[in-house]
Amino acid sequence: MLKNLYQKWRTASFTDQIMAIATCFIASATIIYTVFSIIQTNISQNIFIAQRAFITTKKVVIAGASGIKSGVKPIGKPQVIVHYGNSGQTPARKVIADFFYYRIRSREPEEFDFQHIPDSKVISEGALVGPKDDYWFSQDIPPDNLIDIQNKKTLFVYGQISYFDIFNKRHITRFCFKSYRYTLNAVNGTIIDYIFHRCEKHNCDDEYCNN
C-alpha cells in the first residue's frame, strides 16, 4: 500500500503534491484544534465545578415543642427550622428560599409544587451565603400538625433554594423531609424532639430536578 502511494506521489504533478501536503496539514491542524478544544472545555468545566457555590440542606428540626406531654398542644408558636449550608469554595449570591409544609398524608406525594411564591420567601433577595458557611431559616407551624405526627400521621416539609454563583449562573436546590415519629423522655414521658428523614424523592439540584 505504501509502495502504491509512493508511486502516485512520484507521478503526481507539483500542484497536486502541494495540494496533498496542504490537505494533510489542514487535517492535522483540525484534529489538534479539536483535541485542544475538548481538553480546554473539560478544564474549564472542572474549574467551574471546583469553584462554584453549592447549597445543600442538612436537617430539619422542630423548635418550641419539646418538654410537653404527648397529646398536649405546644404553648406559643412552634417553628420548623431548616438547616442548610454552602459546601462550595465561593459565595452563593441572591439566595432565596421558598419553604412549605404539606398537609398530612400517609404516603409520600408523587409531586410537589416548587414554584417560587414571592410572599413565601424566608430569605431576602440579595442574601449572601459564604463558602463553607452554615445557616438556617424557619417558619411557624400550626400546633395541630404536631399532634397529627403524634397520631402516627406524616408531616412533609419541602421547598426550594435558588441562588447565583460568582459566575452569574443561577442554581436551585430542592429539598423534602418528613416526620412521622418522635422521641420521649423515659422518666417523665415528655417529648424530646420530632424525628425527620429525607424523603425518597424531591431532593435534587439543578438539571437533576425534573422541572
N, C-alpha and C. Protein backbone atom coordinates (compact mmCIF):
# COMPACT_ATOMS: atom_id res chain seq x y z
N MET A 1 0.83 -1.21 0.00
CA MET A 1 0.00 0.00 0.00
C MET A 1 0.87 1.26 0.00
N LEU A 2 1.91 1.24 0.84
CA LEU A 2 2.80 2.39 0.89
C LEU A 2 3.53 2.58 -0.43
N LYS A 3 3.86 1.42 -1.07
CA LYS A 3 4.55 1.50 -2.36
C LYS A 3 3.67 2.15 -3.41
N ASN A 4 2.38 1.80 -3.42
CA ASN A 4 1.45 2.39 -4.39
C ASN A 4 1.31 3.89 -4.14
N LEU A 5 1.25 4.29 -2.88
CA LEU A 5 1.15 5.72 -2.56
C LEU A 5 2.39 6.47 -3.02
N TYR A 6 3.56 5.80 -2.84
CA TYR A 6 4.81 6.44 -3.26
C TYR A 6 4.85 6.62 -4.77
N GLN A 7 4.39 5.61 -5.52
CA GLN A 7 4.34 5.70 -6.98
C GLN A 7 3.41 6.82 -7.43
N LYS A 8 2.26 6.92 -6.78
CA LYS A 8 1.32 8.00 -7.14
C LYS A 8 1.92 9.36 -6.84
N TRP A 9 2.67 9.42 -5.73
CA TRP A 9 3.30 10.69 -5.37
C TRP A 9 4.34 11.11 -6.40
N ARG A 10 5.14 10.15 -6.88
CA ARG A 10 6.19 10.46 -7.86
C ARG A 10 5.59 10.88 -9.19
N THR A 11 4.45 10.31 -9.56
CA THR A 11 3.86 10.62 -10.86
C THR A 11 2.93 11.83 -10.79
N ALA A 12 2.63 12.30 -9.57
CA ALA A 12 1.72 13.44 -9.44
C ALA A 12 2.42 14.72 -9.84
N SER A 13 1.64 15.68 -10.29
CA SER A 13 2.19 16.99 -10.66
C SER A 13 2.59 17.74 -9.40
N PHE A 14 3.40 18.78 -9.62
CA PHE A 14 3.85 19.58 -8.48
C PHE A 14 2.66 20.22 -7.76
N THR A 15 1.69 20.68 -8.54
CA THR A 15 0.49 21.31 -7.94
C THR A 15 -0.29 20.32 -7.08
N ASP A 16 -0.41 19.08 -7.59
CA ASP A 16 -1.14 18.06 -6.83
C ASP A 16 -0.39 17.71 -5.54
N GLN A 17 0.94 17.70 -5.63
CA GLN A 17 1.72 17.41 -4.43
C GLN A 17 1.52 18.50 -3.36
N ILE A 18 1.53 19.76 -3.83
CA ILE A 18 1.30 20.88 -2.89
C ILE A 18 -0.08 20.78 -2.27
N MET A 19 -1.08 20.45 -3.09
CA MET A 19 -2.45 20.34 -2.59
C MET A 19 -2.55 19.20 -1.57
N ALA A 20 -1.86 18.10 -1.84
CA ALA A 20 -1.89 16.97 -0.92
C ALA A 20 -1.26 17.33 0.42
N ILE A 21 -0.11 18.04 0.34
CA ILE A 21 0.56 18.47 1.58
C ILE A 21 -0.34 19.42 2.37
N ALA A 22 -0.96 20.36 1.64
CA ALA A 22 -1.84 21.33 2.30
C ALA A 22 -3.03 20.64 2.96
N THR A 23 -3.59 19.64 2.25
CA THR A 23 -4.73 18.89 2.80
C THR A 23 -4.35 18.16 4.08
N CYS A 24 -3.18 17.52 4.07
CA CYS A 24 -2.70 16.83 5.27
C CYS A 24 -2.47 17.79 6.43
N PHE A 25 -1.91 18.95 6.09
CA PHE A 25 -1.65 19.95 7.13
C PHE A 25 -2.95 20.45 7.76
N ILE A 26 -3.93 20.75 6.90
CA ILE A 26 -5.22 21.25 7.40
C ILE A 26 -5.91 20.19 8.26
N ALA A 27 -5.87 18.93 7.80
CA ALA A 27 -6.50 17.84 8.56
C ALA A 27 -5.83 17.68 9.92
N SER A 28 -4.48 17.74 9.91
CA SER A 28 -3.76 17.60 11.18
C SER A 28 -4.07 18.75 12.13
N ALA A 29 -4.11 19.96 11.57
CA ALA A 29 -4.41 21.15 12.39
C ALA A 29 -5.82 21.07 12.97
N THR A 30 -6.77 20.56 12.17
CA THR A 30 -8.16 20.43 12.64
C THR A 30 -8.25 19.44 13.79
N ILE A 31 -7.54 18.31 13.66
CA ILE A 31 -7.54 17.30 14.73
C ILE A 31 -6.93 17.87 16.01
N ILE A 32 -5.79 18.56 15.86
CA ILE A 32 -5.12 19.14 17.03
C ILE A 32 -6.03 20.18 17.70
N TYR A 33 -6.67 21.03 16.88
CA TYR A 33 -7.56 22.07 17.43
C TYR A 33 -8.75 21.45 18.16
N THR A 34 -9.31 20.38 17.58
CA THR A 34 -10.46 19.71 18.20
C THR A 34 -10.08 19.10 19.54
N VAL A 35 -8.94 18.41 19.56
CA VAL A 35 -8.48 17.81 20.82
C VAL A 35 -8.20 18.88 21.86
N PHE A 36 -7.56 19.97 21.45
CA PHE A 36 -7.25 21.06 22.37
C PHE A 36 -8.53 21.68 22.92
N SER A 37 -9.54 21.86 22.06
CA SER A 37 -10.81 22.46 22.49
C SER A 37 -11.50 21.58 23.52
N ILE A 38 -11.48 20.26 23.29
CA ILE A 38 -12.11 19.32 24.23
C ILE A 38 -11.41 19.39 25.59
N ILE A 39 -10.07 19.40 25.55
CA ILE A 39 -9.30 19.47 26.79
C ILE A 39 -9.58 20.78 27.52
N GLN A 40 -9.60 21.89 26.74
CA GLN A 40 -9.84 23.20 27.33
C GLN A 40 -11.23 23.28 27.96
N THR A 41 -12.23 22.70 27.27
CA THR A 41 -13.60 22.70 27.79
C THR A 41 -13.68 21.91 29.08
N ASN A 42 -13.03 20.73 29.10
CA ASN A 42 -13.04 19.91 30.31
C ASN A 42 -12.37 20.62 31.47
N ILE A 43 -11.25 21.31 31.18
CA ILE A 43 -10.55 22.05 32.23
C ILE A 43 -11.44 23.16 32.77
N SER A 44 -12.11 23.90 31.86
CA SER A 44 -12.99 25.00 32.27
C SER A 44 -14.14 24.49 33.12
N GLN A 45 -14.73 23.35 32.71
CA GLN A 45 -15.83 22.78 33.47
C GLN A 45 -15.38 22.34 34.85
N ASN A 46 -14.19 21.73 34.92
CA ASN A 46 -13.67 21.28 36.21
C ASN A 46 -13.38 22.46 37.14
N ILE A 47 -12.85 23.55 36.57
CA ILE A 47 -12.59 24.75 37.36
C ILE A 47 -13.91 25.32 37.87
N PHE A 48 -14.93 25.35 36.98
CA PHE A 48 -16.24 25.88 37.36
C PHE A 48 -16.85 25.07 38.49
N ILE A 49 -16.81 23.75 38.35
CA ILE A 49 -17.39 22.88 39.38
C ILE A 49 -16.63 23.02 40.69
N ALA A 50 -15.31 23.12 40.61
CA ALA A 50 -14.50 23.21 41.82
C ALA A 50 -14.69 24.53 42.55
N GLN A 51 -14.98 25.60 41.81
CA GLN A 51 -15.03 26.93 42.41
C GLN A 51 -16.45 27.42 42.73
N ARG A 52 -17.47 26.84 42.13
CA ARG A 52 -18.83 27.37 42.27
C ARG A 52 -19.37 27.13 43.68
N ALA A 53 -20.36 27.95 44.04
CA ALA A 53 -21.10 27.73 45.28
C ALA A 53 -22.01 26.51 45.13
N PHE A 54 -22.30 25.85 46.25
CA PHE A 54 -23.16 24.67 46.20
C PHE A 54 -23.97 24.59 47.49
N ILE A 55 -25.25 24.97 47.39
CA ILE A 55 -26.14 24.98 48.55
C ILE A 55 -26.75 23.59 48.75
N THR A 56 -26.64 23.08 49.97
CA THR A 56 -27.26 21.80 50.31
C THR A 56 -28.02 21.95 51.63
N THR A 57 -29.14 21.23 51.75
CA THR A 57 -29.86 21.20 53.02
C THR A 57 -29.32 20.07 53.88
N LYS A 58 -29.34 20.25 55.19
CA LYS A 58 -28.71 19.29 56.10
C LYS A 58 -29.70 18.57 57.01
N LYS A 59 -30.58 19.34 57.64
CA LYS A 59 -31.54 18.70 58.54
C LYS A 59 -32.71 19.64 58.81
N VAL A 60 -33.77 19.07 59.36
CA VAL A 60 -34.95 19.83 59.77
C VAL A 60 -35.25 19.49 61.22
N VAL A 61 -35.55 20.52 62.01
CA VAL A 61 -35.91 20.30 63.41
C VAL A 61 -37.14 21.13 63.75
N ILE A 62 -37.81 20.75 64.83
CA ILE A 62 -38.95 21.50 65.36
C ILE A 62 -38.50 22.19 66.63
N ALA A 63 -38.72 23.50 66.70
CA ALA A 63 -38.38 24.26 67.90
C ALA A 63 -39.66 24.69 68.62
N GLY A 64 -39.59 24.77 69.94
CA GLY A 64 -40.72 25.25 70.71
C GLY A 64 -41.79 24.21 70.95
N ALA A 65 -41.45 22.92 70.82
CA ALA A 65 -42.46 21.87 71.00
C ALA A 65 -41.96 20.72 71.85
N SER A 66 -40.85 20.91 72.53
CA SER A 66 -40.31 19.84 73.38
C SER A 66 -40.68 20.10 74.84
N GLY A 67 -40.55 19.07 75.65
CA GLY A 67 -40.80 19.20 77.07
C GLY A 67 -42.26 19.18 77.47
N ILE A 68 -43.15 18.78 76.55
CA ILE A 68 -44.57 18.70 76.88
C ILE A 68 -45.04 17.26 76.69
N LYS A 69 -46.15 16.95 77.32
CA LYS A 69 -46.70 15.61 77.23
C LYS A 69 -47.27 15.36 75.83
N SER A 70 -47.22 14.10 75.42
CA SER A 70 -47.83 13.72 74.15
C SER A 70 -49.33 14.01 74.19
N GLY A 71 -49.84 14.59 73.10
CA GLY A 71 -51.26 14.93 73.02
C GLY A 71 -51.59 16.32 73.50
N VAL A 72 -50.60 17.01 74.07
CA VAL A 72 -50.80 18.38 74.55
C VAL A 72 -50.23 19.36 73.53
N LYS A 73 -51.02 20.36 73.16
CA LYS A 73 -50.55 21.33 72.19
C LYS A 73 -49.46 22.22 72.79
N PRO A 74 -48.44 22.53 72.00
CA PRO A 74 -47.38 23.41 72.49
C PRO A 74 -47.93 24.80 72.84
N ILE A 75 -47.33 25.41 73.84
CA ILE A 75 -47.69 26.78 74.19
C ILE A 75 -46.86 27.72 73.31
N GLY A 76 -47.52 28.69 72.70
CA GLY A 76 -46.83 29.59 71.80
C GLY A 76 -46.85 29.09 70.37
N LYS A 77 -45.85 29.49 69.59
CA LYS A 77 -45.81 29.14 68.17
C LYS A 77 -44.59 28.26 67.88
N PRO A 78 -44.78 26.97 67.71
CA PRO A 78 -43.65 26.12 67.32
C PRO A 78 -43.18 26.48 65.91
N GLN A 79 -41.93 26.20 65.62
CA GLN A 79 -41.34 26.54 64.33
C GLN A 79 -40.65 25.33 63.71
N VAL A 80 -40.73 25.27 62.39
CA VAL A 80 -39.92 24.33 61.62
C VAL A 80 -38.65 25.06 61.21
N ILE A 81 -37.50 24.48 61.50
CA ILE A 81 -36.22 25.10 61.16
C ILE A 81 -35.47 24.21 60.19
N VAL A 82 -35.09 24.77 59.05
CA VAL A 82 -34.33 24.04 58.03
C VAL A 82 -32.88 24.52 58.07
N HIS A 83 -31.97 23.60 58.31
CA HIS A 83 -30.55 23.93 58.33
C HIS A 83 -29.95 23.63 56.96
N TYR A 84 -29.16 24.54 56.46
CA TYR A 84 -28.53 24.37 55.15
C TYR A 84 -27.16 25.03 55.16
N GLY A 85 -26.39 24.78 54.12
CA GLY A 85 -25.06 25.37 54.05
C GLY A 85 -24.53 25.43 52.64
N ASN A 86 -23.46 26.18 52.47
CA ASN A 86 -22.77 26.30 51.19
C ASN A 86 -21.49 25.50 51.27
N SER A 87 -21.47 24.33 50.62
CA SER A 87 -20.29 23.47 50.65
C SER A 87 -19.27 23.84 49.58
N GLY A 88 -19.57 24.87 48.78
CA GLY A 88 -18.67 25.28 47.70
C GLY A 88 -17.51 26.13 48.18
N GLN A 89 -16.69 26.57 47.21
CA GLN A 89 -15.49 27.33 47.52
C GLN A 89 -15.69 28.83 47.41
N THR A 90 -16.84 29.25 46.90
CA THR A 90 -17.12 30.67 46.69
C THR A 90 -18.52 31.01 47.20
N PRO A 91 -18.83 32.30 47.39
CA PRO A 91 -20.14 32.67 47.96
C PRO A 91 -21.31 32.35 47.02
N ALA A 92 -22.46 32.09 47.64
CA ALA A 92 -23.73 32.00 46.91
C ALA A 92 -24.43 33.35 47.06
N ARG A 93 -24.88 33.92 45.93
CA ARG A 93 -25.45 35.26 45.94
C ARG A 93 -26.95 35.20 45.65
N LYS A 94 -27.66 36.27 46.05
CA LYS A 94 -29.09 36.42 45.77
C LYS A 94 -29.86 35.16 46.19
N VAL A 95 -29.60 34.72 47.40
CA VAL A 95 -30.21 33.48 47.90
C VAL A 95 -31.66 33.74 48.30
N ILE A 96 -32.57 32.92 47.77
CA ILE A 96 -33.98 33.00 48.11
C ILE A 96 -34.48 31.60 48.42
N ALA A 97 -35.27 31.47 49.50
CA ALA A 97 -35.82 30.16 49.87
C ALA A 97 -37.34 30.21 49.86
N ASP A 98 -37.94 29.25 49.21
CA ASP A 98 -39.37 29.00 49.28
C ASP A 98 -39.56 27.76 50.14
N PHE A 99 -40.39 27.88 51.16
CA PHE A 99 -40.42 26.86 52.19
C PHE A 99 -41.88 26.59 52.56
N PHE A 100 -42.29 25.32 52.51
CA PHE A 100 -43.68 24.96 52.76
C PHE A 100 -43.75 23.72 53.65
N TYR A 101 -44.84 23.53 54.32
CA TYR A 101 -45.15 22.24 54.94
C TYR A 101 -46.44 21.75 54.31
N TYR A 102 -46.50 20.47 54.10
CA TYR A 102 -47.58 19.86 53.32
C TYR A 102 -48.63 19.26 54.24
N ARG A 103 -49.85 19.23 53.77
CA ARG A 103 -50.93 18.62 54.56
C ARG A 103 -50.58 17.17 54.87
N ILE A 104 -51.04 16.70 55.95
CA ILE A 104 -50.68 15.38 56.45
C ILE A 104 -51.20 14.28 55.53
N ARG A 105 -50.30 13.36 55.19
CA ARG A 105 -50.67 12.20 54.39
C ARG A 105 -49.93 10.98 54.92
N SER A 106 -50.44 9.83 54.57
CA SER A 106 -49.77 8.60 55.00
C SER A 106 -48.69 8.18 54.02
N ARG A 107 -48.80 8.62 52.76
CA ARG A 107 -47.81 8.26 51.74
C ARG A 107 -47.18 9.51 51.16
N GLU A 108 -45.96 9.36 50.65
CA GLU A 108 -45.26 10.49 50.05
C GLU A 108 -45.87 10.84 48.71
N PRO A 109 -46.24 12.11 48.50
CA PRO A 109 -46.83 12.52 47.22
C PRO A 109 -45.85 12.33 46.07
N GLU A 110 -46.38 12.05 44.89
CA GLU A 110 -45.53 11.90 43.71
C GLU A 110 -44.96 13.24 43.26
N GLU A 111 -45.71 14.32 43.49
CA GLU A 111 -45.28 15.63 43.02
C GLU A 111 -45.52 16.68 44.10
N PHE A 112 -44.66 17.69 44.10
CA PHE A 112 -44.84 18.89 44.90
C PHE A 112 -44.74 20.08 43.96
N ASP A 113 -45.38 21.17 44.33
CA ASP A 113 -45.29 22.40 43.55
C ASP A 113 -44.13 23.22 44.09
N PHE A 114 -43.05 23.30 43.31
CA PHE A 114 -41.86 24.02 43.76
C PHE A 114 -41.77 25.43 43.15
N GLN A 115 -42.86 25.93 42.61
CA GLN A 115 -42.83 27.25 42.00
C GLN A 115 -42.56 28.32 43.05
N HIS A 116 -41.82 29.34 42.64
CA HIS A 116 -41.48 30.43 43.55
C HIS A 116 -42.71 31.28 43.83
N ILE A 117 -42.99 31.49 45.11
CA ILE A 117 -44.08 32.37 45.53
C ILE A 117 -43.46 33.51 46.32
N PRO A 118 -43.44 34.73 45.78
CA PRO A 118 -42.72 35.84 46.43
C PRO A 118 -43.08 36.03 47.90
N ASP A 119 -44.35 35.87 48.27
CA ASP A 119 -44.77 36.11 49.65
C ASP A 119 -44.26 35.04 50.61
N SER A 120 -43.80 33.91 50.07
CA SER A 120 -43.39 32.81 50.94
C SER A 120 -41.89 32.80 51.22
N LYS A 121 -41.14 33.66 50.56
CA LYS A 121 -39.69 33.61 50.73
C LYS A 121 -39.30 33.97 52.15
N VAL A 122 -38.40 33.21 52.72
CA VAL A 122 -37.97 33.44 54.09
C VAL A 122 -36.52 33.92 54.15
N ILE A 123 -35.90 34.06 52.99
CA ILE A 123 -34.59 34.68 52.89
C ILE A 123 -34.72 35.82 51.89
N SER A 124 -34.29 37.01 52.27
CA SER A 124 -34.47 38.17 51.41
C SER A 124 -33.62 38.06 50.15
N GLU A 125 -34.13 38.64 49.06
CA GLU A 125 -33.33 38.70 47.84
C GLU A 125 -32.06 39.49 48.13
N GLY A 126 -30.96 39.01 47.61
CA GLY A 126 -29.69 39.67 47.84
C GLY A 126 -28.89 39.06 48.96
N ALA A 127 -29.49 38.09 49.68
CA ALA A 127 -28.75 37.44 50.77
C ALA A 127 -27.54 36.70 50.21
N LEU A 128 -26.46 36.70 50.98
CA LEU A 128 -25.22 36.06 50.55
C LEU A 128 -24.82 35.00 51.58
N VAL A 129 -24.47 33.82 51.09
CA VAL A 129 -24.01 32.73 51.94
C VAL A 129 -22.56 32.43 51.59
N GLY A 130 -21.68 32.64 52.53
CA GLY A 130 -20.25 32.46 52.27
C GLY A 130 -19.85 31.01 52.10
N PRO A 131 -18.68 30.77 51.54
CA PRO A 131 -18.20 29.39 51.35
C PRO A 131 -18.00 28.69 52.68
N LYS A 132 -18.44 27.43 52.74
CA LYS A 132 -18.31 26.59 53.93
C LYS A 132 -19.10 27.11 55.13
N ASP A 133 -20.05 28.01 54.89
CA ASP A 133 -20.86 28.55 55.98
C ASP A 133 -22.17 27.78 56.11
N ASP A 134 -22.67 27.68 57.34
CA ASP A 134 -23.94 27.03 57.62
C ASP A 134 -24.95 28.08 58.10
N TYR A 135 -26.19 27.94 57.64
CA TYR A 135 -27.25 28.87 58.00
C TYR A 135 -28.52 28.07 58.28
N TRP A 136 -29.58 28.79 58.65
CA TRP A 136 -30.87 28.16 58.85
C TRP A 136 -31.97 29.18 58.57
N PHE A 137 -33.14 28.69 58.25
CA PHE A 137 -34.31 29.55 58.15
C PHE A 137 -35.49 28.81 58.76
N SER A 138 -36.49 29.57 59.20
CA SER A 138 -37.58 28.96 59.96
C SER A 138 -38.93 29.52 59.54
N GLN A 139 -39.95 28.82 59.94
CA GLN A 139 -41.33 29.23 59.67
C GLN A 139 -42.25 28.65 60.74
N ASP A 140 -43.22 29.45 61.18
CA ASP A 140 -44.18 28.96 62.16
C ASP A 140 -44.99 27.80 61.58
N ILE A 141 -45.39 26.90 62.47
CA ILE A 141 -46.20 25.76 62.05
C ILE A 141 -47.37 25.59 63.02
N PRO A 142 -48.56 25.30 62.53
CA PRO A 142 -49.71 25.11 63.42
C PRO A 142 -49.47 23.96 64.40
N PRO A 143 -49.75 24.14 65.68
CA PRO A 143 -49.56 23.06 66.66
C PRO A 143 -50.32 21.79 66.30
N ASP A 144 -51.46 21.92 65.62
CA ASP A 144 -52.24 20.74 65.25
C ASP A 144 -51.44 19.78 64.38
N ASN A 145 -50.53 20.31 63.58
CA ASN A 145 -49.72 19.43 62.73
C ASN A 145 -48.80 18.54 63.56
N LEU A 146 -48.37 19.04 64.71
CA LEU A 146 -47.52 18.22 65.58
C LEU A 146 -48.35 17.15 66.29
N ILE A 147 -49.58 17.48 66.62
CA ILE A 147 -50.47 16.48 67.20
C ILE A 147 -50.72 15.37 66.18
N ASP A 148 -50.82 15.74 64.90
CA ASP A 148 -51.00 14.73 63.85
C ASP A 148 -49.82 13.77 63.80
N ILE A 149 -48.60 14.27 63.98
CA ILE A 149 -47.43 13.39 64.00
C ILE A 149 -47.55 12.41 65.16
N GLN A 150 -47.98 12.90 66.30
CA GLN A 150 -48.15 12.03 67.46
C GLN A 150 -49.20 10.95 67.20
N ASN A 151 -50.13 11.26 66.30
CA ASN A 151 -51.17 10.29 65.94
C ASN A 151 -50.76 9.43 64.74
N LYS A 152 -49.44 9.34 64.53
CA LYS A 152 -48.85 8.47 63.51
C LYS A 152 -49.18 8.89 62.08
N LYS A 153 -49.39 10.18 61.88
CA LYS A 153 -49.50 10.71 60.53
C LYS A 153 -48.17 11.35 60.15
N THR A 154 -48.07 11.77 58.89
CA THR A 154 -46.78 12.24 58.38
C THR A 154 -46.84 13.72 58.01
N LEU A 155 -45.82 14.44 58.44
CA LEU A 155 -45.68 15.85 58.07
C LEU A 155 -44.54 15.98 57.06
N PHE A 156 -44.82 16.58 55.91
CA PHE A 156 -43.80 16.82 54.89
C PHE A 156 -43.38 18.29 54.92
N VAL A 157 -42.09 18.53 55.00
CA VAL A 157 -41.52 19.86 54.92
C VAL A 157 -40.68 19.91 53.65
N TYR A 158 -41.01 20.81 52.73
CA TYR A 158 -40.31 20.83 51.45
C TYR A 158 -40.14 22.26 50.97
N GLY A 159 -39.31 22.43 49.97
CA GLY A 159 -39.10 23.76 49.43
C GLY A 159 -37.97 23.80 48.41
N GLN A 160 -37.61 25.02 48.06
CA GLN A 160 -36.58 25.24 47.05
C GLN A 160 -35.73 26.44 47.43
N ILE A 161 -34.43 26.30 47.28
CA ILE A 161 -33.50 27.41 47.49
C ILE A 161 -32.87 27.76 46.14
N SER A 162 -33.03 28.99 45.71
CA SER A 162 -32.42 29.43 44.46
C SER A 162 -31.30 30.43 44.78
N TYR A 163 -30.26 30.42 43.96
CA TYR A 163 -29.12 31.31 44.21
C TYR A 163 -28.28 31.45 42.94
N PHE A 164 -27.37 32.40 42.95
CA PHE A 164 -26.44 32.62 41.84
C PHE A 164 -25.01 32.40 42.35
N ASP A 165 -24.17 31.81 41.49
CA ASP A 165 -22.76 31.67 41.85
C ASP A 165 -21.98 32.90 41.37
N ILE A 166 -20.67 32.91 41.60
CA ILE A 166 -19.86 34.07 41.21
C ILE A 166 -19.71 34.19 39.70
N PHE A 167 -20.08 33.12 38.97
CA PHE A 167 -20.04 33.16 37.51
C PHE A 167 -21.37 33.64 36.94
N ASN A 168 -22.26 34.12 37.83
CA ASN A 168 -23.57 34.66 37.47
C ASN A 168 -24.50 33.62 36.87
N LYS A 169 -24.32 32.37 37.26
CA LYS A 169 -25.21 31.30 36.82
C LYS A 169 -26.16 30.95 37.96
N ARG A 170 -27.46 30.80 37.60
CA ARG A 170 -28.48 30.51 38.61
C ARG A 170 -28.52 29.00 38.89
N HIS A 171 -28.72 28.66 40.16
CA HIS A 171 -28.83 27.27 40.59
C HIS A 171 -30.05 27.11 41.49
N ILE A 172 -30.54 25.88 41.58
CA ILE A 172 -31.62 25.59 42.52
C ILE A 172 -31.29 24.32 43.31
N THR A 173 -31.72 24.30 44.54
CA THR A 173 -31.63 23.10 45.38
C THR A 173 -33.01 22.84 45.95
N ARG A 174 -33.57 21.68 45.68
CA ARG A 174 -34.88 21.32 46.21
C ARG A 174 -34.71 20.31 47.33
N PHE A 175 -35.57 20.42 48.34
CA PHE A 175 -35.45 19.53 49.49
C PHE A 175 -36.81 19.06 49.95
N CYS A 176 -36.81 17.92 50.60
CA CYS A 176 -38.03 17.36 51.16
C CYS A 176 -37.66 16.48 52.36
N PHE A 177 -38.27 16.78 53.50
CA PHE A 177 -38.08 15.99 54.71
C PHE A 177 -39.45 15.57 55.24
N LYS A 178 -39.50 14.48 55.95
CA LYS A 178 -40.77 14.02 56.51
C LYS A 178 -40.56 13.54 57.94
N SER A 179 -41.62 13.73 58.74
CA SER A 179 -41.59 13.28 60.12
C SER A 179 -42.88 12.55 60.44
N TYR A 180 -42.75 11.37 61.02
CA TYR A 180 -43.92 10.61 61.42
C TYR A 180 -43.71 9.96 62.80
N ARG A 181 -42.65 10.36 63.50
CA ARG A 181 -42.42 9.83 64.84
C ARG A 181 -41.62 10.82 65.67
N TYR A 182 -41.55 10.55 66.96
CA TYR A 182 -40.87 11.44 67.89
C TYR A 182 -40.26 10.60 69.01
N THR A 183 -39.39 11.23 69.81
CA THR A 183 -38.77 10.54 70.93
C THR A 183 -39.31 11.09 72.24
N LEU A 184 -39.42 10.21 73.22
CA LEU A 184 -39.97 10.58 74.52
C LEU A 184 -38.91 10.43 75.62
N ASN A 185 -39.05 11.28 76.63
CA ASN A 185 -38.23 11.16 77.83
C ASN A 185 -38.75 9.97 78.63
N ALA A 186 -37.89 9.01 78.89
CA ALA A 186 -38.31 7.79 79.57
C ALA A 186 -38.72 8.03 81.02
N VAL A 187 -38.28 9.14 81.60
CA VAL A 187 -38.55 9.42 83.00
C VAL A 187 -39.92 10.06 83.20
N ASN A 188 -40.16 11.14 82.45
CA ASN A 188 -41.42 11.88 82.67
C ASN A 188 -42.40 11.80 81.50
N GLY A 189 -42.01 11.12 80.42
CA GLY A 189 -42.93 10.93 79.30
C GLY A 189 -43.15 12.16 78.43
N THR A 190 -42.29 13.16 78.55
CA THR A 190 -42.44 14.35 77.71
C THR A 190 -41.69 14.15 76.39
N ILE A 191 -42.09 14.92 75.40
CA ILE A 191 -41.48 14.82 74.06
C ILE A 191 -40.11 15.47 74.05
N ILE A 192 -39.12 14.74 73.54
CA ILE A 192 -37.77 15.30 73.40
C ILE A 192 -37.64 16.03 72.07
N ASP A 193 -37.93 15.35 70.98
CA ASP A 193 -37.91 16.00 69.67
C ASP A 193 -38.68 15.16 68.65
N TYR A 194 -38.91 15.78 67.50
CA TYR A 194 -39.55 15.10 66.37
C TYR A 194 -38.46 14.70 65.39
N ILE A 195 -38.55 13.49 64.88
CA ILE A 195 -37.50 12.94 64.03
C ILE A 195 -37.86 13.13 62.56
N PHE A 196 -36.96 13.76 61.80
CA PHE A 196 -37.17 13.98 60.38
C PHE A 196 -36.19 13.14 59.56
N HIS A 197 -36.69 12.62 58.45
CA HIS A 197 -35.87 11.88 57.49
C HIS A 197 -36.03 12.54 56.12
N ARG A 198 -35.03 12.38 55.28
CA ARG A 198 -35.17 12.84 53.90
C ARG A 198 -36.21 11.99 53.18
N CYS A 199 -36.99 12.65 52.33
CA CYS A 199 -37.96 11.92 51.52
C CYS A 199 -37.22 11.06 50.50
N GLU A 200 -37.89 10.03 50.02
CA GLU A 200 -37.29 9.17 49.00
C GLU A 200 -37.14 9.92 47.68
N LYS A 201 -37.99 10.92 47.46
CA LYS A 201 -37.94 11.73 46.24
C LYS A 201 -37.85 13.21 46.63
N HIS A 202 -37.80 14.05 45.60
CA HIS A 202 -37.93 15.50 45.77
C HIS A 202 -36.71 16.15 46.42
N ASN A 203 -35.55 15.47 46.41
CA ASN A 203 -34.29 16.09 46.82
C ASN A 203 -33.36 16.09 45.61
N CYS A 204 -33.05 17.27 45.09
CA CYS A 204 -32.28 17.34 43.84
C CYS A 204 -31.65 18.72 43.71
N ASP A 205 -30.85 18.89 42.68
CA ASP A 205 -30.28 20.20 42.37
C ASP A 205 -30.11 20.35 40.86
N ASP A 206 -30.33 21.57 40.40
CA ASP A 206 -30.13 21.97 39.01
C ASP A 206 -30.78 21.01 38.00
N GLU A 207 -29.98 20.50 37.06
CA GLU A 207 -30.53 19.70 35.97
C GLU A 207 -31.08 18.36 36.43
N TYR A 208 -30.77 17.97 37.67
CA TYR A 208 -31.28 16.70 38.17
C TYR A 208 -32.72 16.81 38.70
N CYS A 209 -33.23 18.03 38.77
CA CYS A 209 -34.63 18.24 39.12
C CYS A 209 -35.47 18.10 37.85
N ASN A 210 -36.65 17.55 37.98
CA ASN A 210 -37.48 17.26 36.81
C ASN A 210 -37.96 18.50 36.10
N ASN A 211 -38.26 19.56 36.83
CA ASN A 211 -38.78 20.79 36.20
C ASN A 211 -38.35 21.99 37.01
